[in-house]
Amino acid sequence: MNLISTFIIWTWLLGIALVVPTTLPAGGAQESIIQHRKNNIGSPIIALKDFNLLTSAHENSSILTSVQAGTPVKILKIWDSTNSGKWLLVHIVIQNFNQLFYKRGWVNIGKS
């Protein structure tokens, strides 16, 4: 009986010793806010003002469509140009005459 109770106590202590360090701040259970934001870069955001969706990341490129404020926009890529500033490759969904159109194009957000 003494051997069984000693075995149970040591098993319980070993289990606690393996689980408790993962819940401490230096352990792997906590996730940083910065890492969480990096993983969600592709999640949709809402356009705050009207803008034009362009065919390429160039100032003289043609306009695909005009996007209204309140449209969900998914950022696919960020490109930083030395001449014209930052560009975003975005994916939007436009509803026209009860049909959904998926568009992908570039938006200039200016110099940083």
PDB file of N, CA and C in Angstrom:
ATOM      1  N   MET A   1       0.824  -1.187   0.000  1.00  0.00           N
ATOM      2  CA  MET A   1       0.000   0.000   0.000  1.00  0.00           C
ATOM      3  C   MET A   1       0.869   1.252   0.000  1.00  0.00           C
ATOM      4  N   ASN A   2       1.971   1.219   0.743  1.00  0.00           N
ATOM      5  CA  ASN A   2       2.866   2.351   0.819  1.00  0.00           C
ATOM      6  C   ASN A   2       3.508   2.626  -0.536  1.00  0.00           C
ATOM      7  N   LEU A   3       3.830   1.592  -1.289  1.00  0.00           N
ATOM      8  CA  LEU A   3       4.439   1.733  -2.603  1.00  0.00           C
ATOM      9  C   LEU A   3       3.470   2.362  -3.605  1.00  0.00           C
ATOM     10  N   ILE A   4       2.208   1.994  -3.538  1.00  0.00           N
ATOM     11  CA  ILE A   4       1.198   2.546  -4.444  1.00  0.00           C
ATOM     12  C   ILE A   4       0.948   4.023  -4.141  1.00  0.00           C
ATOM     13  N   SER A   5       0.837   4.384  -2.886  1.00  0.00           N
ATOM     14  CA  SER A   5       0.600   5.801  -2.543  1.00  0.00           C
ATOM     15  C   SER A   5       1.815   6.651  -2.911  1.00  0.00           C
ATOM     16  N   THR A   6       3.019   6.144  -2.767  1.00  0.00           N
ATOM     17  CA  THR A   6       4.216   6.879  -3.178  1.00  0.00           C
ATOM     18  C   THR A   6       4.228   7.073  -4.687  1.00  0.00           C
ATOM     19  N   PHE A   7       3.850   6.044  -5.435  1.00  0.00           N
ATOM     20  CA  PHE A   7       3.782   6.147  -6.890  1.00  0.00           C
ATOM     21  C   PHE A   7       2.756   7.192  -7.330  1.00  0.00           C
ATOM     22  N   ILE A   8       1.596   7.229  -6.699  1.00  0.00           N
ATOM     23  CA  ILE A   8       0.539   8.202  -7.030  1.00  0.00           C
ATOM     24  C   ILE A   8       1.012   9.619  -6.727  1.00  0.00           C
ATOM     25  N   ILE A   9       1.661   9.824  -5.610  1.00  0.00           N
ATOM     26  CA  ILE A   9       2.155  11.157  -5.243  1.00  0.00           C
ATOM     27  C   ILE A   9       3.204  11.640  -6.236  1.00  0.00           C
ATOM     28  N   TRP A  10       4.164  10.778  -6.599  1.00  0.00           N
ATOM     29  CA  TRP A  10       5.205  11.177  -7.554  1.00  0.00           C
ATOM     30  C   TRP A  10       4.634  11.424  -8.949  1.00  0.00           C
ATOM     31  N   THR A  11       3.646  10.657  -9.346  1.00  0.00           N
ATOM     32  CA  THR A  11       2.994  10.881 -10.644  1.00  0.00           C
ATOM     33  C   THR A  11       2.275  12.224 -10.650  1.00  0.00           C
ATOM     34  N   TRP A  12       1.583  12.538  -9.552  1.00  0.00           N
ATOM     35  CA  TRP A  12       0.880  13.812  -9.443  1.00  0.00           C
ATOM     36  C   TRP A  12       1.876  14.970  -9.458  1.00  0.00           C
ATOM     37  N   LEU A  13       2.972  14.883  -8.734  1.00  0.00           N
ATOM     38  CA  LEU A  13       3.983  15.931  -8.715  1.00  0.00           C
ATOM     39  C   LEU A  13       4.638  16.115 -10.083  1.00  0.00           C
ATOM     40  N   LEU A  14       4.910  15.021 -10.773  1.00  0.00           N
ATOM     41  CA  LEU A  14       5.487  15.108 -12.114  1.00  0.00           C
ATOM     42  C   LEU A  14       4.513  15.763 -13.096  1.00  0.00           C
ATOM     43  N   GLY A  15       3.242  15.430 -12.987  1.00  0.00           N
ATOM     44  CA  GLY A  15       2.224  16.053 -13.841  1.00  0.00           C
ATOM     45  C   GLY A  15       2.131  17.546 -13.604  1.00  0.00           C
ATOM     46  N   ILE A  16       2.151  17.975 -12.352  1.00  0.00           N
ATOM     47  CA  ILE A  16       2.112  19.405 -12.016  1.00  0.00           C
ATOM     48  C   ILE A  16       3.379  20.087 -12.512  1.00  0.00           C
ATOM     49  N   ALA A  17       4.518  19.459 -12.366  1.00  0.00           N
ATOM     50  CA  ALA A  17       5.785  20.052 -12.787  1.00  0.00           C
ATOM     51  C   ALA A  17       5.850  20.234 -14.301  1.00  0.00           C
ATOM     52  N   LEU A  18       5.164  19.407 -15.056  1.00  0.00           N
ATOM     53  CA  LEU A  18       5.165  19.538 -16.507  1.00  0.00           C
ATOM     54  C   LEU A  18       4.126  20.530 -17.016  1.00  0.00           C
ATOM     55  N   VAL A  19       3.037  20.745 -16.294  1.00  0.00           N
ATOM     56  CA  VAL A  19       1.952  21.617 -16.748  1.00  0.00           C
ATOM     57  C   VAL A  19       2.135  23.059 -16.288  1.00  0.00           C
ATOM     58  N   VAL A  20       2.573  23.301 -15.087  1.00  0.00           N
ATOM     59  CA  VAL A  20       2.664  24.653 -14.530  1.00  0.00           C
ATOM     60  C   VAL A  20       3.595  25.576 -15.319  1.00  0.00           C
ATOM     61  N   PRO A  21       4.771  25.163 -15.778  1.00  0.00           N
ATOM     62  CA  PRO A  21       5.634  26.098 -16.505  1.00  0.00           C
ATOM     63  C   PRO A  21       5.033  26.631 -17.812  1.00  0.00           C
ATOM     64  N   THR A  22       4.112  25.919 -18.425  1.00  0.00           N
ATOM     65  CA  THR A  22       3.511  26.417 -19.666  1.00  0.00           C
ATOM     66  C   THR A  22       2.560  27.570 -19.428  1.00  0.00           C
ATOM     67  N   THR A  23       2.070  27.731 -18.200  1.00  0.00           N
ATOM     68  CA  THR A  23       1.152  28.829 -17.904  1.00  0.00           C
ATOM     69  C   THR A  23       1.866  30.066 -17.384  1.00  0.00           C
ATOM     70  N   LEU A  24       3.158  29.981 -17.156  1.00  0.00           N
ATOM     71  CA  LEU A  24       3.920  31.133 -16.686  1.00  0.00           C
ATOM     72  C   LEU A  24       4.204  32.086 -17.848  1.00  0.00           C
ATOM     73  N   PRO A  25       4.493  33.378 -17.572  1.00  0.00           N
ATOM     74  CA  PRO A  25       4.734  34.343 -18.647  1.00  0.00           C
ATOM     75  C   PRO A  25       5.851  33.950 -19.605  1.00  0.00           C
ATOM     76  N   ALA A  26       6.880  33.264 -19.126  1.00  0.00           N
ATOM     77  CA  ALA A  26       7.973  32.866 -20.003  1.00  0.00           C
ATOM     78  C   ALA A  26       7.664  31.566 -20.742  1.00  0.00           C
ATOM     79  N   GLY A  27       6.529  30.945 -20.448  1.00  0.00           N
ATOM     80  CA  GLY A  27       6.180  29.683 -21.083  1.00  0.00           C
ATOM     81  C   GLY A  27       5.551  29.876 -22.446  1.00  0.00           C
ATOM     82  N   GLY A  28       5.140  28.772 -23.042  1.00  0.00           N
ATOM     83  CA  GLY A  28       4.589  28.825 -24.385  1.00  0.00           C
ATOM     84  C   GLY A  28       3.093  29.050 -24.437  1.00  0.00           C
ATOM     85  N   ALA A  29       2.407  29.159 -23.306  1.00  0.00           N
ATOM     86  CA  ALA A  29       0.962  29.288 -23.327  1.00  0.00           C
ATOM     87  C   ALA A  29       0.502  30.694 -23.688  1.00  0.00           C
ATOM     88  N   GLN A  30       1.290  31.708 -23.393  1.00  0.00           N
ATOM     89  CA  GLN A  30       0.895  33.075 -23.701  1.00  0.00           C
ATOM     90  C   GLN A  30       1.332  33.436 -25.111  1.00  0.00           C
ATOM     91  N   GLU A  31       0.489  34.233 -25.787  1.00  0.00           N
ATOM     92  CA  GLU A  31       0.791  34.654 -27.148  1.00  0.00           C
ATOM     93  C   GLU A  31       0.881  36.175 -27.171  1.00  0.00           C
ATOM     94  N   SER A  32       1.872  36.672 -27.832  1.00  0.00           N
ATOM     95  CA  SER A  32       2.073  38.107 -27.908  1.00  0.00           C
ATOM     96  C   SER A  32       1.020  38.757 -28.792  1.00  0.00           C
ATOM     97  N   ILE A  33       0.657  39.997 -28.500  1.00  0.00           N
ATOM     98  CA  ILE A  33      -0.307  40.737 -29.308  1.00  0.00           C
ATOM     99  C   ILE A  33       0.270  41.013 -30.691  1.00  0.00           C
ATOM    100  N   ILE A  34       1.552  41.253 -30.784  1.00  0.00           N
ATOM    101  CA  ILE A  34       2.184  41.544 -32.073  1.00  0.00           C
ATOM    102  C   ILE A  34       2.125  40.321 -32.980  1.00  0.00           C
ATOM    103  N   GLN A  35       2.373  39.153 -32.478  1.00  0.00           N
ATOM    104  CA  GLN A  35       2.278  37.935 -33.273  1.00  0.00           C
ATOM    105  C   GLN A  35       0.849  37.718 -33.739  1.00  0.00           C
ATOM    106  N   HIS A  36      -0.106  38.009 -32.886  1.00  0.00           N
ATOM    107  CA  HIS A  36      -1.507  37.836 -33.228  1.00  0.00           C
ATOM    108  C   HIS A  36      -1.904  38.762 -34.373  1.00  0.00           C
ATOM    109  N   ARG A  37      -1.407  39.995 -34.386  1.00  0.00           N
ATOM    110  CA  ARG A  37      -1.716  40.936 -35.453  1.00  0.00           C
ATOM    111  C   ARG A  37      -1.042  40.544 -36.751  1.00  0.00           C
ATOM    112  N   LYS A  38       0.160  39.970 -36.701  1.00  0.00           N
ATOM    113  CA  LYS A  38       0.844  39.542 -37.918  1.00  0.00           C
ATOM    114  C   LYS A  38       0.068  38.435 -38.611  1.00  0.00           C
ATOM    115  N   ASN A  39      -0.521  37.549 -37.847  1.00  0.00           N
ATOM    116  CA  ASN A  39      -1.259  36.441 -38.432  1.00  0.00           C
ATOM    117  C   ASN A  39      -2.570  36.895 -39.063  1.00  0.00           C
ATOM    118  N   ASN A  40      -3.094  38.033 -38.662  1.00  0.00           N
ATOM    119  CA  ASN A  40      -4.375  38.507 -39.172  1.00  0.00           C
ATOM    120  C   ASN A  40      -4.235  39.625 -40.183  1.00  0.00           C
ATOM    121  N   ILE A  41      -3.106  39.733 -40.857  1.00  0.00           N
ATOM    122  CA  ILE A  41      -2.946  40.815 -41.826  1.00  0.00           C
ATOM    123  C   ILE A  41      -3.897  40.649 -43.000  1.00  0.00           C
ATOM    124  N   GLY A  42      -4.295  39.462 -43.301  1.00  0.00           N
ATOM    125  CA  GLY A  42      -5.195  39.223 -44.421  1.00  0.00           C
ATOM    126  C   GLY A  42      -6.656  39.360 -44.080  1.00  0.00           C
ATOM    127  N   SER A  43      -7.007  39.644 -42.842  1.00  0.00           N
ATOM    128  CA  SER A  43      -8.400  39.774 -42.475  1.00  0.00           C
ATOM    129  C   SER A  43      -8.971  41.074 -43.033  1.00  0.00           C
ATOM    130  N   PRO A  44     -10.244  41.096 -43.427  1.00  0.00           N
ATOM    131  CA  PRO A  44     -10.830  42.280 -44.056  1.00  0.00           C
ATOM    132  C   PRO A  44     -10.882  43.479 -43.124  1.00  0.00           C
ATOM    133  N   ILE A  45     -10.682  44.654 -43.722  1.00  0.00           N
ATOM    134  CA  ILE A  45     -10.864  45.915 -43.028  1.00  0.00           C
ATOM    135  C   ILE A  45     -11.920  46.700 -43.792  1.00  0.00           C
ATOM    136  N   ILE A  46     -12.428  47.750 -43.210  1.00  0.00           N
ATOM    137  CA  ILE A  46     -13.470  48.564 -43.825  1.00  0.00           C
ATOM    138  C   ILE A  46     -12.848  49.846 -44.364  1.00  0.00           C
ATOM    139  N   ALA A  47     -13.153  50.179 -45.617  1.00  0.00           N
ATOM    140  CA  ALA A  47     -12.654  51.413 -46.228  1.00  0.00           C
ATOM    141  C   ALA A  47     -13.330  52.610 -45.555  1.00  0.00           C
ATOM    142  N   LEU A  48     -12.528  53.585 -45.131  1.00  0.00           N
ATOM    143  CA  LEU A  48     -13.072  54.757 -44.442  1.00  0.00           C
ATOM    144  C   LEU A  48     -13.464  55.878 -45.394  1.00  0.00           C
ATOM    145  N   LYS A  49     -12.914  55.873 -46.609  1.00  0.00           N
ATOM    146  CA  LYS A  49     -13.288  56.886 -47.593  1.00  0.00           C
ATOM    147  C   LYS A  49     -13.266  56.268 -48.985  1.00  0.00           C
ATOM    148  N   ASP A  50     -13.835  56.969 -49.945  1.00  0.00           N
ATOM    149  CA  ASP A  50     -13.867  56.479 -51.324  1.00  0.00           C
ATOM    150  C   ASP A  50     -12.466  56.505 -51.925  1.00  0.00           C
ATOM    151  N   PHE A  51     -12.172  55.514 -52.766  1.00  0.00           N
ATOM    152  CA  PHE A  51     -10.889  55.478 -53.466  1.00  0.00           C
ATOM    153  C   PHE A  51     -11.056  54.735 -54.782  1.00  0.00           C
ATOM    154  N   ASN A  52     -10.063  54.887 -55.651  1.00  0.00           N
ATOM    155  CA  ASN A  52     -10.059  54.205 -56.938  1.00  0.00           C
ATOM    156  C   ASN A  52      -9.160  52.979 -56.871  1.00  0.00           C
ATOM    157  N   LEU A  53      -9.637  51.885 -57.413  1.00  0.00           N
ATOM    158  CA  LEU A  53      -8.867  50.656 -57.506  1.00  0.00           C
ATOM    159  C   LEU A  53      -8.144  50.666 -58.850  1.00  0.00           C
ATOM    160  N   LEU A  54      -6.803  50.596 -58.820  1.00  0.00           N
ATOM    161  CA  LEU A  54      -5.991  50.735 -60.022  1.00  0.00           C
ATOM    162  C   LEU A  54      -5.492  49.384 -60.527  1.00  0.00           C
ATOM    163  N   THR A  55      -5.150  49.331 -61.826  1.00  0.00           N
ATOM    164  CA  THR A  55      -4.707  48.075 -62.442  1.00  0.00           C
ATOM    165  C   THR A  55      -3.286  47.700 -62.061  1.00  0.00           C
ATOM    166  N   SER A  56      -2.431  48.683 -61.778  1.00  0.00           N
ATOM    167  CA  SER A  56      -1.047  48.381 -61.417  1.00  0.00           C
ATOM    168  C   SER A  56      -0.558  49.405 -60.394  1.00  0.00           C
ATOM    169  N   ALA A  57       0.593  49.130 -59.811  1.00  0.00           N
ATOM    170  CA  ALA A  57       1.173  50.022 -58.796  1.00  0.00           C
ATOM    171  C   ALA A  57       1.990  51.103 -59.483  1.00  0.00           C
ATOM    172  N   HIS A  58       1.306  51.928 -60.250  1.00  0.00           N
ATOM    173  CA  HIS A  58       1.944  53.015 -60.984  1.00  0.00           C
ATOM    174  C   HIS A  58       0.989  54.207 -60.973  1.00  0.00           C
ATOM    175  N   GLU A  59       1.514  55.409 -60.887  1.00  0.00           N
ATOM    176  CA  GLU A  59       0.669  56.599 -60.774  1.00  0.00           C
ATOM    177  C   GLU A  59      -0.218  56.818 -61.998  1.00  0.00           C
ATOM    178  N   ASN A  60       0.208  56.402 -63.179  1.00  0.00           N
ATOM    179  CA  ASN A  60      -0.555  56.628 -64.399  1.00  0.00           C
ATOM    180  C   ASN A  60      -1.346  55.401 -64.855  1.00  0.00           C
ATOM    181  N   SER A  61      -1.597  54.454 -63.976  1.00  0.00           N
ATOM    182  CA  SER A  61      -2.332  53.252 -64.366  1.00  0.00           C
ATOM    183  C   SER A  61      -3.828  53.543 -64.463  1.00  0.00           C
ATOM    184  N   SER A  62      -4.543  52.698 -65.188  1.00  0.00           N
ATOM    185  CA  SER A  62      -5.971  52.919 -65.400  1.00  0.00           C
ATOM    186  C   SER A  62      -6.779  52.445 -64.185  1.00  0.00           C
ATOM    187  N   ILE A  63      -7.989  52.992 -64.081  1.00  0.00           N
ATOM    188  CA  ILE A  63      -8.872  52.728 -62.943  1.00  0.00           C
ATOM    189  C   ILE A  63      -9.746  51.515 -63.263  1.00  0.00           C
ATOM    190  N   LEU A  64      -9.731  50.519 -62.371  1.00  0.00           N
ATOM    191  CA  LEU A  64     -10.608  49.360 -62.511  1.00  0.00           C
ATOM    192  C   LEU A  64     -12.032  49.712 -62.091  1.00  0.00           C
ATOM    193  N   THR A  65     -12.155  50.262 -60.898  1.00  0.00           N
ATOM    194  CA  THR A  65     -13.460  50.625 -60.355  1.00  0.00           C
ATOM    195  C   THR A  65     -13.280  51.621 -59.221  1.00  0.00           C
ATOM    196  N   SER A  66     -14.350  52.307 -58.878  1.00  0.00           N
ATOM    197  CA  SER A  66     -14.355  53.192 -57.712  1.00  0.00           C
ATOM    198  C   SER A  66     -14.951  52.429 -56.540  1.00  0.00           C
ATOM    199  N   VAL A  67     -14.280  52.486 -55.418  1.00  0.00           N
ATOM    200  CA  VAL A  67     -14.718  51.773 -54.223  1.00  0.00           C
ATOM    201  C   VAL A  67     -15.295  52.788 -53.247  1.00  0.00           C
ATOM    202  N   GLN A  68     -16.483  52.506 -52.738  1.00  0.00           N
ATOM    203  CA  GLN A  68     -17.157  53.417 -51.811  1.00  0.00           C
ATOM    204  C   GLN A  68     -16.729  53.137 -50.374  1.00  0.00           C
ATOM    205  N   ALA A  69     -16.888  54.155 -49.545  1.00  0.00           N
ATOM    206  CA  ALA A  69     -16.592  54.001 -48.119  1.00  0.00           C
ATOM    207  C   ALA A  69     -17.535  52.950 -47.530  1.00  0.00           C
ATOM    208  N   GLY A  70     -17.016  52.141 -46.638  1.00  0.00           N
ATOM    209  CA  GLY A  70     -17.804  51.089 -46.004  1.00  0.00           C
ATOM    210  C   GLY A  70     -17.647  49.730 -46.665  1.00  0.00           C
ATOM    211  N   THR A  71     -16.899  49.666 -47.744  1.00  0.00           N
ATOM    212  CA  THR A  71     -16.675  48.398 -48.442  1.00  0.00           C
ATOM    213  C   THR A  71     -15.598  47.588 -47.722  1.00  0.00           C
ATOM    214  N   PRO A  72     -15.830  46.284 -47.476  1.00  0.00           N
ATOM    215  CA  PRO A  72     -14.778  45.453 -46.885  1.00  0.00           C
ATOM    216  C   PRO A  72     -13.626  45.275 -47.867  1.00  0.00           C
ATOM    217  N   VAL A  73     -12.414  45.464 -47.375  1.00  0.00           N
ATOM    218  CA  VAL A  73     -11.210  45.388 -48.194  1.00  0.00           C
ATOM    219  C   VAL A  73     -10.250  44.411 -47.527  1.00  0.00           C
ATOM    220  N   LYS A  74      -9.746  43.455 -48.313  1.00  0.00           N
ATOM    221  CA  LYS A  74      -8.768  42.508 -47.792  1.00  0.00           C
ATOM    222  C   LYS A  74      -7.410  42.845 -48.389  1.00  0.00           C
ATOM    223  N   ILE A  75      -6.424  43.116 -47.556  1.00  0.00           N
ATOM    224  CA  ILE A  75      -5.077  43.469 -48.005  1.00  0.00           C
ATOM    225  C   ILE A  75      -4.306  42.185 -48.288  1.00  0.00           C
ATOM    226  N   LEU A  76      -3.809  42.078 -49.514  1.00  0.00           N
ATOM    227  CA  LEU A  76      -3.060  40.891 -49.920  1.00  0.00           C
ATOM    228  C   LEU A  76      -1.557  41.106 -49.854  1.00  0.00           C
ATOM    229  N   LYS A  77      -1.114  42.320 -50.197  1.00  0.00           N
ATOM    230  CA  LYS A  77       0.318  42.589 -50.269  1.00  0.00           C
ATOM    231  C   LYS A  77       0.574  44.067 -50.038  1.00  0.00           C
ATOM    232  N   ILE A  78       1.708  44.390 -49.427  1.00  0.00           N
ATOM    233  CA  ILE A  78       2.144  45.774 -49.228  1.00  0.00           C
ATOM    234  C   ILE A  78       3.442  45.954 -49.988  1.00  0.00           C
ATOM    235  N   TRP A  79       3.492  46.996 -50.819  1.00  0.00           N
ATOM    236  CA  TRP A  79       4.682  47.264 -51.609  1.00  0.00           C
ATOM    237  C   TRP A  79       5.090  48.704 -51.390  1.00  0.00           C
ATOM    238  N   ASP A  80       6.364  48.927 -51.067  1.00  0.00           N
ATOM    239  CA  ASP A  80       6.879  50.265 -50.797  1.00  0.00           C
ATOM    240  C   ASP A  80       7.761  50.696 -51.960  1.00  0.00           C
ATOM    241  N   SER A  81       7.322  51.730 -52.679  1.00  0.00           N
ATOM    242  CA  SER A  81       8.067  52.264 -53.811  1.00  0.00           C
ATOM    243  C   SER A  81       8.814  53.516 -53.367  1.00  0.00           C
ATOM    244  N   THR A  82      10.039  53.674 -53.826  1.00  0.00           N
ATOM    245  CA  THR A  82      10.816  54.852 -53.443  1.00  0.00           C
ATOM    246  C   THR A  82      10.271  56.116 -54.093  1.00  0.00           C
ATOM    247  N   ASN A  83       9.668  56.000 -55.257  1.00  0.00           N
ATOM    248  CA  ASN A  83       9.169  57.184 -55.971  1.00  0.00           C
ATOM    249  C   ASN A  83       7.757  57.591 -55.561  1.00  0.00           C
ATOM    250  N   SER A  84       6.848  56.639 -55.486  1.00  0.00           N
ATOM    251  CA  SER A  84       5.440  56.989 -55.294  1.00  0.00           C
ATOM    252  C   SER A  84       4.862  56.585 -53.943  1.00  0.00           C
ATOM    253  N   GLY A  85       5.648  56.077 -53.025  1.00  0.00           N
ATOM    254  CA  GLY A  85       5.156  55.754 -51.686  1.00  0.00           C
ATOM    255  C   GLY A  85       4.670  54.320 -51.563  1.00  0.00           C
ATOM    256  N   LYS A  86       3.789  54.095 -50.594  1.00  0.00           N
ATOM    257  CA  LYS A  86       3.298  52.747 -50.307  1.00  0.00           C
ATOM    258  C   LYS A  86       2.084  52.423 -51.161  1.00  0.00           C
ATOM    259  N   TRP A  87       2.053  51.169 -51.617  1.00  0.00           N
ATOM    260  CA  TRP A  87       0.940  50.646 -52.390  1.00  0.00           C
ATOM    261  C   TRP A  87       0.415  49.391 -51.711  1.00  0.00           C
ATOM    262  N   LEU A  88      -0.890  49.193 -51.794  1.00  0.00           N
ATOM    263  CA  LEU A  88      -1.521  47.995 -51.253  1.00  0.00           C
ATOM    264  C   LEU A  88      -2.188  47.233 -52.381  1.00  0.00           C
ATOM    265  N   LEU A  89      -1.927  45.943 -52.470  1.00  0.00           N
ATOM    266  CA  LEU A  89      -2.677  45.069 -53.364  1.00  0.00           C
ATOM    267  C   LEU A  89      -3.866  44.570 -52.557  1.00  0.00           C
ATOM    268  N   VAL A  90      -5.075  44.916 -52.987  1.00  0.00           N
ATOM    269  CA  VAL A  90      -6.277  44.611 -52.212  1.00  0.00           C
ATOM    270  C   VAL A  90      -7.232  43.746 -53.024  1.00  0.00           C
ATOM    271  N   HIS A  91      -8.105  43.085 -52.301  1.00  0.00           N
ATOM    272  CA  HIS A  91      -9.145  42.227 -52.875  1.00  0.00           C
ATOM    273  C   HIS A  91     -10.473  42.735 -52.314  1.00  0.00           C
ATOM    274  N   ILE A  92     -11.411  43.066 -53.190  1.00  0.00           N
ATOM    275  CA  ILE A  92     -12.707  43.575 -52.732  1.00  0.00           C
ATOM    276  C   ILE A  92     -13.830  42.791 -53.386  1.00  0.00           C
ATOM    277  N   VAL A  93     -15.000  42.869 -52.782  1.00  0.00           N
ATOM    278  CA  VAL A  93     -16.208  42.267 -53.329  1.00  0.00           C
ATOM    279  C   VAL A  93     -17.189  43.400 -53.578  1.00  0.00           C
ATOM    280  N   ILE A  94     -17.655  43.508 -54.824  1.00  0.00           N
ATOM    281  CA  ILE A  94     -18.594  44.561 -55.201  1.00  0.00           C
ATOM    282  C   ILE A  94     -19.909  43.903 -55.603  1.00  0.00           C
ATOM    283  N   GLN A  95     -21.019  44.465 -55.111  1.00  0.00           N
ATOM    284  CA  GLN A  95     -22.329  43.947 -55.479  1.00  0.00           C
ATOM    285  C   GLN A  95     -22.954  44.890 -56.501  1.00  0.00           C
ATOM    286  N   ASN A  96     -23.283  44.343 -57.664  1.00  0.00           N
ATOM    287  CA  ASN A  96     -23.891  45.106 -58.743  1.00  0.00           C
ATOM    288  C   ASN A  96     -25.055  44.302 -59.297  1.00  0.00           C
ATOM    289  N   PHE A  97     -26.244  44.847 -59.264  1.00  0.00           N
ATOM    290  CA  PHE A  97     -27.425  44.189 -59.818  1.00  0.00           C
ATOM    291  C   PHE A  97     -27.583  42.773 -59.283  1.00  0.00           C
ATOM    292  N   ASN A  98     -27.520  42.630 -57.967  1.00  0.00           N
ATOM    293  CA  ASN A  98     -27.668  41.348 -57.272  1.00  0.00           C
ATOM    294  C   ASN A  98     -26.647  40.301 -57.687  1.00  0.00           C
ATOM    295  N   GLN A  99     -25.488  40.734 -58.157  1.00  0.00           N
ATOM    296  CA  GLN A  99     -24.387  39.836 -58.466  1.00  0.00           C
ATOM    297  C   GLN A  99     -23.155  40.302 -57.702  1.00  0.00           C
ATOM    298  N   LEU A 100     -22.333  39.362 -57.320  1.00  0.00           N
ATOM    299  CA  LEU A 100     -21.092  39.694 -56.624  1.00  0.00           C
ATOM    300  C   LEU A 100     -19.930  39.621 -57.605  1.00  0.00           C
ATOM    301  N   PHE A 101     -19.120  40.667 -57.619  1.00  0.00           N
ATOM    302  CA  PHE A 101     -17.932  40.718 -58.459  1.00  0.00           C
ATOM    303  C   PHE A 101     -16.708  40.820 -57.564  1.00  0.00           C
ATOM    304  N   TYR A 102     -15.738  39.973 -57.804  1.00  0.00           N
ATOM    305  CA  TYR A 102     -14.490  39.990 -57.056  1.00  0.00           C
ATOM    306  C   TYR A 102     -13.459  40.747 -57.873  1.00  0.00           C
ATOM    307  N   LYS A 103     -12.891  41.784 -57.274  1.00  0.00           N
ATOM    308  CA  LYS A 103     -11.892  42.596 -57.956  1.00  0.00           C
ATOM    309  C   LYS A 103     -10.606  42.614 -57.132  1.00  0.00           C
ATOM    310  N   ARG A 104      -9.489  42.658 -57.838  1.00  0.00           N
ATOM    311  CA  ARG A 104      -8.195  42.738 -57.198  1.00  0.00           C
ATOM    312  C   ARG A 104      -7.427  43.865 -57.900  1.00  0.00           C
ATOM    313  N   GLY A 105      -6.886  44.778 -57.101  1.00  0.00           N
ATOM    314  CA  GLY A 105      -6.155  45.894 -57.697  1.00  0.00           C
ATOM    315  C   GLY A 105      -5.300  46.601 -56.670  1.00  0.00           C
ATOM    316  N   TRP A 106      -4.682  47.698 -57.120  1.00  0.00           N
ATOM    317  CA  TRP A 106      -3.719  48.433 -56.308  1.00  0.00           C
ATOM    318  C   TRP A 106      -4.296  49.753 -55.825  1.00  0.00           C
ATOM    319  N   VAL A 107      -3.900  50.143 -54.608  1.00  0.00           N
ATOM    320  CA  VAL A 107      -4.302  51.409 -53.995  1.00  0.00           C
ATOM    321  C   VAL A 107      -3.046  52.106 -53.486  1.00  0.00           C
ATOM    322  N   ASN A 108      -2.914  53.388 -53.820  1.00  0.00           N
ATOM    323  CA  ASN A 108      -1.780  54.176 -53.318  1.00  0.00           C
ATOM    324  C   ASN A 108      -2.195  54.825 -52.009  1.00  0.00           C
ATOM    325  N   ILE A 109      -1.416  54.569 -50.953  1.00  0.00           N
ATOM    326  CA  ILE A 109      -1.732  55.181 -49.662  1.00  0.00           C
ATOM    327  C   ILE A 109      -0.743  56.292 -49.320  1.00  0.00           C
ATOM    328  N   GLY A 110       0.085  56.676 -50.275  1.00  0.00           N
ATOM    329  CA  GLY A 110       0.974  57.829 -50.099  1.00  0.00           C
ATOM    330  C   GLY A 110       2.328  57.471 -49.550  1.00  0.00           C
ATOM    331  N   LYS A 111       3.099  58.516 -49.303  1.00  0.00           N
ATOM    332  CA  LYS A 111       4.463  58.343 -48.787  1.00  0.00           C
ATOM    333  C   LYS A 111       4.424  58.170 -47.290  1.00  0.00           C
ATOM    334  N   SER A 112       5.382  57.377 -46.797  1.00  0.00           N
ATOM    335  CA  SER A 112       5.435  57.150 -45.343  1.00  0.00           C
ATOM    336  C   SER A 112       6.597  57.870 -44.713  1.00  0.00           C
TER     337      SER A 112
END
